[in-house]
Amino acid sequence: MEVKRSFSVGNVLVSRREDSDWRVVKVLAVDSWPDESDTLQCLVFRPISYTPTVESFCSPDDPGYLTRTRGPTLDD
């Protein structure tokens, strides 16, 4: 049985393999083809060792980038 997954622009996919870094991908565009297959255009974030949060999804061009993307510290 074939499983058809549906993706939408703006979807954020988060995964982690056992004992590995977190991987995050954001869907920017979905191109549909005549054969009913899809191609996803995605933004792939760098792997991180801590659990991702909404705040951790920001651009390096954002002035607050360095303070919001740091990992947890003992003060947290």
C-alpha atoms as a PDB file:
ATOM      1  CA  MET A   1       0.000   0.000   0.000  1.00  0.00           C
ATOM      2  CA  GLU A   2       1.391   3.397  -0.986  1.00  0.00           C
ATOM      3  CA  VAL A   3       1.255   6.146   1.616  1.00  0.00           C
ATOM      4  CA  LYS A   4       0.836   9.697   0.324  1.00  0.00           C
ATOM      5  CA  ARG A   5       2.144  12.321   2.717  1.00  0.00           C
ATOM      6  CA  SER A   6       0.850  15.835   2.441  1.00  0.00           C
ATOM      7  CA  PHE A   7       3.176  18.765   3.087  1.00  0.00           C
ATOM      8  CA  SER A   8       2.311  22.451   3.227  1.00  0.00           C
ATOM      9  CA  VAL A   9       4.386  25.598   3.021  1.00  0.00           C
ATOM     10  CA  GLY A  10       5.471  26.520   6.531  1.00  0.00           C
ATOM     11  CA  ASN A  11       5.572  22.955   7.881  1.00  0.00           C
ATOM     12  CA  VAL A  12       8.504  22.395  10.219  1.00  0.00           C
ATOM     13  CA  LEU A  13       9.863  18.862  10.338  1.00  0.00           C
ATOM     14  CA  VAL A  14      11.937  17.878  13.379  1.00  0.00           C
ATOM     15  CA  SER A  15      13.767  14.601  13.813  1.00  0.00           C
ATOM     16  CA  ARG A  16      16.454  13.036  15.913  1.00  0.00           C
ATOM     17  CA  ARG A  17      18.170   9.712  15.626  1.00  0.00           C
ATOM     18  CA  GLU A  18      19.104   7.991  18.845  1.00  0.00           C
ATOM     19  CA  ASP A  19      22.204   9.587  20.436  1.00  0.00           C
ATOM     20  CA  SER A  20      22.479  12.183  17.671  1.00  0.00           C
ATOM     21  CA  ASP A  21      21.826  15.873  17.026  1.00  0.00           C
ATOM     22  CA  TRP A  22      18.391  17.299  16.270  1.00  0.00           C
ATOM     23  CA  ARG A  23      17.648  18.034  12.588  1.00  0.00           C
ATOM     24  CA  VAL A  24      15.129  20.669  11.540  1.00  0.00           C
ATOM     25  CA  VAL A  25      13.727  21.414   8.074  1.00  0.00           C
ATOM     26  CA  LYS A  26      11.182  24.099   7.109  1.00  0.00           C
ATOM     27  CA  VAL A  27       9.108  23.674   3.933  1.00  0.00           C
ATOM     28  CA  LEU A  28       9.360  26.826   1.781  1.00  0.00           C
ATOM     29  CA  ALA A  29       7.519  25.600  -1.331  1.00  0.00           C
ATOM     30  CA  VAL A  30       5.796  22.484  -2.628  1.00  0.00           C
ATOM     31  CA  ASP A  31       6.012  21.773  -6.361  1.00  0.00           C
ATOM     32  CA  SER A  32       3.414  19.299  -7.656  1.00  0.00           C
ATOM     33  CA  TRP A  33       4.127  17.258 -10.777  1.00  0.00           C
ATOM     34  CA  PRO A  34       1.738  15.755 -13.369  1.00  0.00           C
ATOM     35  CA  ASP A  35       2.458  12.256 -12.018  1.00  0.00           C
ATOM     36  CA  GLU A  36       1.064  13.447  -8.644  1.00  0.00           C
ATOM     37  CA  SER A  37       4.486  13.415  -6.966  1.00  0.00           C
ATOM     38  CA  ASP A  38       5.746  16.426  -5.013  1.00  0.00           C
ATOM     39  CA  THR A  39       9.104  18.127  -4.712  1.00  0.00           C
ATOM     40  CA  LEU A  40       9.738  20.085  -1.521  1.00  0.00           C
ATOM     41  CA  GLN A  41      11.912  23.186  -1.460  1.00  0.00           C
ATOM     42  CA  CYS A  42      13.235  23.409   2.079  1.00  0.00           C
ATOM     43  CA  LEU A  43      15.386  25.433   4.408  1.00  0.00           C
ATOM     44  CA  VAL A  44      17.650  23.049   6.316  1.00  0.00           C
ATOM     45  CA  PHE A  45      18.836  24.315   9.695  1.00  0.00           C
ATOM     46  CA  ARG A  46      22.217  23.326  11.081  1.00  0.00           C
ATOM     47  CA  PRO A  47      22.111  20.304  13.417  1.00  0.00           C
ATOM     48  CA  ILE A  48      21.809  21.194  17.094  1.00  0.00           C
ATOM     49  CA  SER A  49      22.465  19.168  20.237  1.00  0.00           C
ATOM     50  CA  TYR A  50      19.606  20.619  22.322  1.00  0.00           C
ATOM     51  CA  THR A  51      15.859  20.214  21.835  1.00  0.00           C
ATOM     52  CA  PRO A  52      14.690  22.817  19.287  1.00  0.00           C
ATOM     53  CA  THR A  53      12.131  25.450  20.274  1.00  0.00           C
ATOM     54  CA  VAL A  54      10.174  28.029  18.312  1.00  0.00           C
ATOM     55  CA  GLU A  55      12.697  30.652  19.442  1.00  0.00           C
ATOM     56  CA  SER A  56      15.584  28.663  17.971  1.00  0.00           C
ATOM     57  CA  PHE A  57      14.181  29.079  14.423  1.00  0.00           C
ATOM     58  CA  CYS A  58      15.573  32.466  13.443  1.00  0.00           C
ATOM     59  CA  SER A  59      17.837  33.955  10.844  1.00  0.00           C
ATOM     60  CA  PRO A  60      21.523  34.759  11.413  1.00  0.00           C
ATOM     61  CA  ASP A  61      20.612  38.208  10.014  1.00  0.00           C
ATOM     62  CA  ASP A  62      18.333  38.791  13.025  1.00  0.00           C
ATOM     63  CA  PRO A  63      20.079  41.119  15.545  1.00  0.00           C
ATOM     64  CA  GLY A  64      19.158  38.846  18.478  1.00  0.00           C
ATOM     65  CA  TYR A  65      20.333  35.659  16.759  1.00  0.00           C
ATOM     66  CA  LEU A  66      23.325  34.895  18.973  1.00  0.00           C
ATOM     67  CA  THR A  67      21.463  35.279  22.258  1.00  0.00           C
ATOM     68  CA  ARG A  68      18.426  33.233  21.180  1.00  0.00           C
ATOM     69  CA  THR A  69      20.218  30.331  19.514  1.00  0.00           C
ATOM     70  CA  ARG A  70      22.596  29.393  22.270  1.00  0.00           C
ATOM     71  CA  GLY A  71      22.146  26.060  23.953  1.00  0.00           C
ATOM     72  CA  PRO A  72      20.817  25.714  27.501  1.00  0.00           C
ATOM     73  CA  THR A  73      23.164  26.745  30.300  1.00  0.00           C
ATOM     74  CA  LEU A  74      23.284  26.042  34.024  1.00  0.00           C
ATOM     75  CA  ASP A  75      21.395  29.325  34.568  1.00  0.00           C
ATOM     76  CA  ASP A  76      18.364  28.074  32.590  1.00  0.00           C
END
